[in-house]
Amino acid sequence: MLNFLNIKTLNGSAIGEHLNALAQLRMSVFREWPYLYEGNMHYEAMYLQRYADCADSISMLCFDGDTLVAASTALPLEHAETEMQKPMISAGYSADEFLYYGESLILRPYRGQGLGGHFFKLRENHGIHLGKKNGCFCAVERHADDPRKPLNYRGNEAFWRRHHYRPTEIMCHFDWPDVGTDENSTKPLRFWIKELNQQ
């Protein structure tokens, strides 16, 4: 891993002073395929405030000097958006079984050097500490033949499977504008789940 990075692990409101930097990082990374997210600071402020308001949330922030270059977040699913909770409940789960992983963001020069696995481990340990049975996240689904997909794109599915996360048939849907557009469109996202007692 990149040992020269300064990694801060924060809970709840301790993330407050870093919300703007985290919002900028989200908009930068999620602008790439497959999210193609045309972000704005107004939405980001509302979204991230949920983590600041939840005492049991966890945020891992990685700094290269004073620059935030990677971050990962999680919070109990019962504190996540209703749109995240409903599909799980409809599938027969209880929201309080899960730690929900909000995002794992790494700028391109810092990828492929162990940060993603480190983020998984920290969040899993936090979930176990909170007494959660499962960890989960959701990932956007795009058509394989979408012409916007980069020719050399390699997805994260194999990486997630190596860490014992498995795709489910549980889906949620969120709206956001694609890069270069002004209007929202609905995107399907698939839940991936792992039992936290797995190695």
C-alpha atoms as a PDB file:
ATOM      1  CA  MET A   1       0.000   0.000   0.000  1.00  0.00           C
ATOM      2  CA  LEU A   2       1.020   3.636  -0.337  1.00  0.00           C
ATOM      3  CA  ASN A   3       2.749   4.126   2.998  1.00  0.00           C
ATOM      4  CA  PHE A   4       3.427   7.821   2.449  1.00  0.00           C
ATOM      5  CA  LEU A   5      -0.295   8.618   2.584  1.00  0.00           C
ATOM      6  CA  ASN A   6      -1.836  10.054   5.724  1.00  0.00           C
ATOM      7  CA  ILE A   7      -4.967   7.994   6.422  1.00  0.00           C
ATOM      8  CA  LYS A   8      -7.543   9.406   8.814  1.00  0.00           C
ATOM      9  CA  THR A   9     -10.389   7.266  10.149  1.00  0.00           C
ATOM     10  CA  LEU A  10     -13.266   9.410  11.377  1.00  0.00           C
ATOM     11  CA  ASN A  11     -16.694   8.790  12.862  1.00  0.00           C
ATOM     12  CA  GLY A  12     -19.825  10.873  12.577  1.00  0.00           C
ATOM     13  CA  SER A  13     -19.473  14.630  12.817  1.00  0.00           C
ATOM     14  CA  ALA A  14     -15.653  14.451  12.792  1.00  0.00           C
ATOM     15  CA  ILE A  15     -15.888  14.376   8.999  1.00  0.00           C
ATOM     16  CA  GLY A  16     -17.486  17.820   8.930  1.00  0.00           C
ATOM     17  CA  GLU A  17     -14.400  19.852   8.055  1.00  0.00           C
ATOM     18  CA  HIS A  18     -13.632  17.512   5.132  1.00  0.00           C
ATOM     19  CA  LEU A  19     -17.069  17.456   3.478  1.00  0.00           C
ATOM     20  CA  ASN A  20     -16.161  19.856   0.665  1.00  0.00           C
ATOM     21  CA  ALA A  21     -13.002  17.932  -0.229  1.00  0.00           C
ATOM     22  CA  LEU A  22     -14.913  14.648  -0.134  1.00  0.00           C
ATOM     23  CA  ALA A  23     -17.627  16.109  -2.359  1.00  0.00           C
ATOM     24  CA  GLN A  24     -15.021  17.189  -4.914  1.00  0.00           C
ATOM     25  CA  LEU A  25     -13.436  13.735  -4.851  1.00  0.00           C
ATOM     26  CA  ARG A  26     -16.822  12.066  -5.358  1.00  0.00           C
ATOM     27  CA  MET A  27     -17.612  14.271  -8.327  1.00  0.00           C
ATOM     28  CA  SER A  28     -14.190  13.616  -9.859  1.00  0.00           C
ATOM     29  CA  VAL A  29     -14.171   9.817  -9.528  1.00  0.00           C
ATOM     30  CA  PHE A  30     -17.854   9.263 -10.273  1.00  0.00           C
ATOM     31  CA  ARG A  31     -17.537  11.356 -13.425  1.00  0.00           C
ATOM     32  CA  GLU A  32     -15.680   8.378 -14.916  1.00  0.00           C
ATOM     33  CA  TRP A  33     -17.294   5.306 -16.455  1.00  0.00           C
ATOM     34  CA  PRO A  34     -19.498   3.570 -15.405  1.00  0.00           C
ATOM     35  CA  TYR A  35     -21.216   6.241 -13.276  1.00  0.00           C
ATOM     36  CA  LEU A  36     -20.731   9.198 -15.643  1.00  0.00           C
ATOM     37  CA  TYR A  37     -22.077  11.367 -12.836  1.00  0.00           C
ATOM     38  CA  GLU A  38     -22.498  15.068 -13.538  1.00  0.00           C
ATOM     39  CA  GLY A  39     -22.311  16.150  -9.916  1.00  0.00           C
ATOM     40  CA  ASN A  40     -23.109  19.388  -8.165  1.00  0.00           C
ATOM     41  CA  MET A  41     -22.142  20.701  -4.757  1.00  0.00           C
ATOM     42  CA  HIS A  42     -25.735  21.267  -3.628  1.00  0.00           C
ATOM     43  CA  TYR A  43     -26.614  17.578  -3.886  1.00  0.00           C
ATOM     44  CA  GLU A  44     -23.240  16.507  -2.514  1.00  0.00           C
ATOM     45  CA  ALA A  45     -23.700  18.630   0.606  1.00  0.00           C
ATOM     46  CA  MET A  46     -27.084  17.044   1.322  1.00  0.00           C
ATOM     47  CA  TYR A  47     -25.856  13.516   0.611  1.00  0.00           C
ATOM     48  CA  LEU A  48     -22.697  13.710   2.717  1.00  0.00           C
ATOM     49  CA  GLN A  49     -24.408  15.418   5.637  1.00  0.00           C
ATOM     50  CA  ARG A  50     -26.086  12.086   6.341  1.00  0.00           C
ATOM     51  CA  TYR A  51     -22.678  10.654   7.270  1.00  0.00           C
ATOM     52  CA  ALA A  52     -21.813  13.619   9.465  1.00  0.00           C
ATOM     53  CA  ASP A  53     -25.147  13.284  11.273  1.00  0.00           C
ATOM     54  CA  CYS A  54     -24.759   9.554  12.001  1.00  0.00           C
ATOM     55  CA  ALA A  55     -22.546   8.824  15.016  1.00  0.00           C
ATOM     56  CA  ASP A  56     -21.987   5.250  13.793  1.00  0.00           C
ATOM     57  CA  SER A  57     -20.767   6.219  10.331  1.00  0.00           C
ATOM     58  CA  ILE A  58     -17.132   5.709   9.386  1.00  0.00           C
ATOM     59  CA  SER A  59     -15.063   7.626   6.850  1.00  0.00           C
ATOM     60  CA  MET A  60     -11.528   6.804   5.771  1.00  0.00           C
ATOM     61  CA  LEU A  61      -9.747   9.758   4.189  1.00  0.00           C
ATOM     62  CA  CYS A  62      -6.338   9.420   2.515  1.00  0.00           C
ATOM     63  CA  PHE A  63      -4.211  12.505   2.022  1.00  0.00           C
ATOM     64  CA  ASP A  64      -1.115  13.015  -0.084  1.00  0.00           C
ATOM     65  CA  GLY A  65       0.174  16.108   1.649  1.00  0.00           C
ATOM     66  CA  ASP A  66      -2.875  18.335   1.977  1.00  0.00           C
ATOM     67  CA  THR A  67      -4.721  16.786  -0.973  1.00  0.00           C
ATOM     68  CA  LEU A  68      -7.490  14.234  -0.489  1.00  0.00           C
ATOM     69  CA  VAL A  69      -6.687  11.471  -2.991  1.00  0.00           C
ATOM     70  CA  ALA A  70      -8.824   8.575  -1.757  1.00  0.00           C
ATOM     71  CA  ALA A  71     -11.739   8.015   0.583  1.00  0.00           C
ATOM     72  CA  SER A  72     -14.255   5.431   1.660  1.00  0.00           C
ATOM     73  CA  THR A  73     -17.423   5.684   3.743  1.00  0.00           C
ATOM     74  CA  ALA A  74     -19.987   3.459   5.423  1.00  0.00           C
ATOM     75  CA  LEU A  75     -22.935   3.742   7.776  1.00  0.00           C
ATOM     76  CA  PRO A  76     -25.618   1.448   9.174  1.00  0.00           C
ATOM     77  CA  LEU A  77     -28.155   0.746   6.450  1.00  0.00           C
ATOM     78  CA  GLU A  78     -30.993   1.944   8.673  1.00  0.00           C
ATOM     79  CA  HIS A  79     -29.456   5.441   8.449  1.00  0.00           C
ATOM     80  CA  ALA A  80     -29.050   5.342   4.649  1.00  0.00           C
ATOM     81  CA  GLU A  81     -31.536   6.716   2.145  1.00  0.00           C
ATOM     82  CA  THR A  82     -34.957   5.080   2.128  1.00  0.00           C
ATOM     83  CA  GLU A  83     -34.306   4.098  -1.496  1.00  0.00           C
ATOM     84  CA  MET A  84     -31.427   1.944  -0.239  1.00  0.00           C
ATOM     85  CA  GLN A  85     -33.390   0.321   2.574  1.00  0.00           C
ATOM     86  CA  LYS A  86     -36.616  -0.591   0.768  1.00  0.00           C
ATOM     87  CA  PRO A  87     -35.182  -3.169  -1.677  1.00  0.00           C
ATOM     88  CA  MET A  88     -33.434  -5.014   1.150  1.00  0.00           C
ATOM     89  CA  ILE A  89     -36.570  -5.048   3.287  1.00  0.00           C
ATOM     90  CA  SER A  90     -38.652  -6.216   0.321  1.00  0.00           C
ATOM     91  CA  ALA A  91     -36.168  -9.069  -0.163  1.00  0.00           C
ATOM     92  CA  GLY A  92     -36.781 -10.245   3.400  1.00  0.00           C
ATOM     93  CA  TYR A  93     -33.845  -8.656   5.179  1.00  0.00           C
ATOM     94  CA  SER A  94     -33.886  -6.269   8.105  1.00  0.00           C
ATOM     95  CA  ALA A  95     -32.063  -2.993   7.505  1.00  0.00           C
ATOM     96  CA  ASP A  96     -30.326  -3.238  10.869  1.00  0.00           C
ATOM     97  CA  GLU A  97     -28.463  -6.382   9.718  1.00  0.00           C
ATOM     98  CA  PHE A  98     -26.262  -4.350   7.388  1.00  0.00           C
ATOM     99  CA  LEU A  99     -23.416  -1.894   7.274  1.00  0.00           C
ATOM    100  CA  TYR A 100     -23.882  -0.064   3.986  1.00  0.00           C
ATOM    101  CA  TYR A 101     -20.745   1.032   2.097  1.00  0.00           C
ATOM    102  CA  GLY A 102     -21.356   4.416   0.547  1.00  0.00           C
ATOM    103  CA  GLU A 103     -18.360   4.754  -1.746  1.00  0.00           C
ATOM    104  CA  SER A 104     -14.756   3.799  -2.325  1.00  0.00           C
ATOM    105  CA  LEU A 105     -12.987   6.590  -4.202  1.00  0.00           C
ATOM    106  CA  ILE A 106      -9.391   6.468  -5.392  1.00  0.00           C
ATOM    107  CA  LEU A 107      -7.828   8.885  -7.848  1.00  0.00           C
ATOM    108  CA  ARG A 108      -6.277   7.119 -10.831  1.00  0.00           C
ATOM    109  CA  PRO A 109      -2.561   7.506  -9.893  1.00  0.00           C
ATOM    110  CA  TYR A 110      -3.209   5.808  -6.539  1.00  0.00           C
ATOM    111  CA  ARG A 111      -5.172   2.790  -7.789  1.00  0.00           C
ATOM    112  CA  GLY A 112      -4.015  -0.808  -7.873  1.00  0.00           C
ATOM    113  CA  GLN A 113      -1.775  -0.503  -4.824  1.00  0.00           C
ATOM    114  CA  GLY A 114      -3.876  -1.968  -2.021  1.00  0.00           C
ATOM    115  CA  LEU A 115      -6.105   0.878  -0.921  1.00  0.00           C
ATOM    116  CA  GLY A 116      -9.318  -0.795  -2.085  1.00  0.00           C
ATOM    117  CA  GLY A 117      -8.654  -3.919  -0.041  1.00  0.00           C
ATOM    118  CA  HIS A 118      -7.671  -1.799   2.951  1.00  0.00           C
ATOM    119  CA  PHE A 119     -10.947   0.097   2.686  1.00  0.00           C
ATOM    120  CA  PHE A 120     -12.912  -3.160   2.671  1.00  0.00           C
ATOM    121  CA  LYS A 121     -11.106  -4.430   5.777  1.00  0.00           C
ATOM    122  CA  LEU A 122     -11.640  -1.230   7.757  1.00  0.00           C
ATOM    123  CA  ARG A 123     -15.338  -1.137   6.933  1.00  0.00           C
ATOM    124  CA  GLU A 124     -15.817  -4.825   7.692  1.00  0.00           C
ATOM    125  CA  ASN A 125     -14.144  -4.400  11.079  1.00  0.00           C
ATOM    126  CA  HIS A 126     -16.404  -1.432  11.779  1.00  0.00           C
ATOM    127  CA  GLY A 127     -19.465  -3.480  10.874  1.00  0.00           C
ATOM    128  CA  ILE A 128     -18.390  -6.279  13.202  1.00  0.00           C
ATOM    129  CA  HIS A 129     -17.783  -3.710  15.955  1.00  0.00           C
ATOM    130  CA  LEU A 130     -21.360  -2.464  15.484  1.00  0.00           C
ATOM    131  CA  GLY A 131     -22.725  -6.011  15.604  1.00  0.00           C
ATOM    132  CA  LYS A 132     -23.770  -6.086  11.952  1.00  0.00           C
ATOM    133  CA  LYS A 133     -24.252  -9.438  10.246  1.00  0.00           C
ATOM    134  CA  ASN A 134     -23.539  -8.287   6.694  1.00  0.00           C
ATOM    135  CA  GLY A 135     -21.744  -5.660   4.685  1.00  0.00           C
ATOM    136  CA  CYS A 136     -23.291  -4.426   1.454  1.00  0.00           C
ATOM    137  CA  PHE A 137     -22.856  -1.934  -1.333  1.00  0.00           C
ATOM    138  CA  CYS A 138     -24.526  -1.300  -4.657  1.00  0.00           C
ATOM    139  CA  ALA A 139     -22.962  -0.741  -8.055  1.00  0.00           C
ATOM    140  CA  VAL A 140     -24.444   0.802 -11.171  1.00  0.00           C
ATOM    141  CA  GLU A 141     -25.317  -1.483 -14.087  1.00  0.00           C
ATOM    142  CA  ARG A 142     -24.636  -0.256 -17.620  1.00  0.00           C
ATOM    143  CA  HIS A 143     -25.212  -2.015 -20.929  1.00  0.00           C
ATOM    144  CA  ALA A 144     -22.117  -3.934 -22.013  1.00  0.00           C
ATOM    145  CA  ASP A 145     -22.322  -2.416 -25.493  1.00  0.00           C
ATOM    146  CA  ASP A 146     -22.710   1.190 -24.321  1.00  0.00           C
ATOM    147  CA  PRO A 147     -20.580   3.211 -26.785  1.00  0.00           C
ATOM    148  CA  ARG A 148     -19.349   5.420 -23.933  1.00  0.00           C
ATOM    149  CA  LYS A 149     -17.560   2.490 -22.288  1.00  0.00           C
ATOM    150  CA  PRO A 150     -13.758   2.910 -22.593  1.00  0.00           C
ATOM    151  CA  LEU A 151     -12.111   0.245 -24.743  1.00  0.00           C
ATOM    152  CA  ASN A 152      -9.606  -0.666 -22.023  1.00  0.00           C
ATOM    153  CA  TYR A 153     -12.104  -0.578 -19.148  1.00  0.00           C
ATOM    154  CA  ARG A 154     -11.775  -3.371 -16.598  1.00  0.00           C
ATOM    155  CA  GLY A 155     -14.540  -3.632 -14.020  1.00  0.00           C
ATOM    156  CA  ASN A 156     -14.213  -4.287 -10.295  1.00  0.00           C
ATOM    157  CA  GLU A 157     -16.353  -7.423 -10.141  1.00  0.00           C
ATOM    158  CA  ALA A 158     -13.417  -9.859  -9.882  1.00  0.00           C
ATOM    159  CA  PHE A 159     -11.869  -7.726  -7.121  1.00  0.00           C
ATOM    160  CA  TRP A 160     -15.141  -7.689  -5.183  1.00  0.00           C
ATOM    161  CA  ARG A 161     -15.481 -11.466  -5.524  1.00  0.00           C
ATOM    162  CA  ARG A 162     -11.937 -11.985  -4.235  1.00  0.00           C
ATOM    163  CA  HIS A 163     -13.057 -10.210  -1.087  1.00  0.00           C
ATOM    164  CA  HIS A 164     -16.049 -12.592  -0.841  1.00  0.00           C
ATOM    165  CA  TYR A 165     -18.748 -10.162  -1.941  1.00  0.00           C
ATOM    166  CA  ARG A 166     -21.466 -11.716  -4.074  1.00  0.00           C
ATOM    167  CA  PRO A 167     -23.956 -10.091  -6.431  1.00  0.00           C
ATOM    168  CA  THR A 168     -27.636 -10.438  -5.622  1.00  0.00           C
ATOM    169  CA  GLU A 169     -30.844  -9.986  -7.571  1.00  0.00           C
ATOM    170  CA  ILE A 170     -31.692  -7.041  -5.307  1.00  0.00           C
ATOM    171  CA  MET A 171     -31.743  -3.750  -7.174  1.00  0.00           C
ATOM    172  CA  CYS A 172     -32.283  -0.119  -6.307  1.00  0.00           C
ATOM    173  CA  HIS A 173     -32.695   2.852  -8.634  1.00  0.00           C
ATOM    174  CA  PHE A 174     -31.316   6.365  -8.438  1.00  0.00           C
ATOM    175  CA  ASP A 175     -31.513   9.390 -10.697  1.00  0.00           C
ATOM    176  CA  TRP A 176     -28.604  11.579 -11.744  1.00  0.00           C
ATOM    177  CA  PRO A 177     -27.560  13.476 -14.874  1.00  0.00           C
ATOM    178  CA  ASP A 178     -24.979  11.816 -17.089  1.00  0.00           C
ATOM    179  CA  VAL A 179     -21.879  13.796 -18.004  1.00  0.00           C
ATOM    180  CA  GLY A 180     -22.738  16.378 -20.617  1.00  0.00           C
ATOM    181  CA  THR A 181     -26.457  16.446 -19.815  1.00  0.00           C
ATOM    182  CA  ASP A 182     -28.653  18.565 -17.578  1.00  0.00           C
ATOM    183  CA  GLU A 183     -31.549  16.176 -16.981  1.00  0.00           C
ATOM    184  CA  ASN A 184     -31.690  13.275 -14.536  1.00  0.00           C
ATOM    185  CA  SER A 185     -32.181   9.748 -15.808  1.00  0.00           C
ATOM    186  CA  THR A 186     -32.848   6.631 -13.754  1.00  0.00           C
ATOM    187  CA  LYS A 187     -29.997   4.167 -13.230  1.00  0.00           C
ATOM    188  CA  PRO A 188     -30.282   0.586 -11.879  1.00  0.00           C
ATOM    189  CA  LEU A 189     -27.801  -0.434  -9.180  1.00  0.00           C
ATOM    190  CA  ARG A 190     -27.192  -3.992  -7.981  1.00  0.00           C
ATOM    191  CA  PHE A 191     -26.545  -4.902  -4.349  1.00  0.00           C
ATOM    192  CA  TRP A 192     -23.496  -6.966  -3.427  1.00  0.00           C
ATOM    193  CA  ILE A 193     -23.437  -8.645   0.005  1.00  0.00           C
ATOM    194  CA  LYS A 194     -20.915 -10.338   2.269  1.00  0.00           C
ATOM    195  CA  GLU A 195     -21.400 -12.021   5.638  1.00  0.00           C
ATOM    196  CA  LEU A 196     -18.971 -10.240   7.931  1.00  0.00           C
ATOM    197  CA  ASN A 197     -17.769 -13.397   9.662  1.00  0.00           C
ATOM    198  CA  GLN A 198     -16.161 -14.527   6.384  1.00  0.00           C
ATOM    199  CA  GLN A 199     -12.403 -14.159   6.017  1.00  0.00           C
END
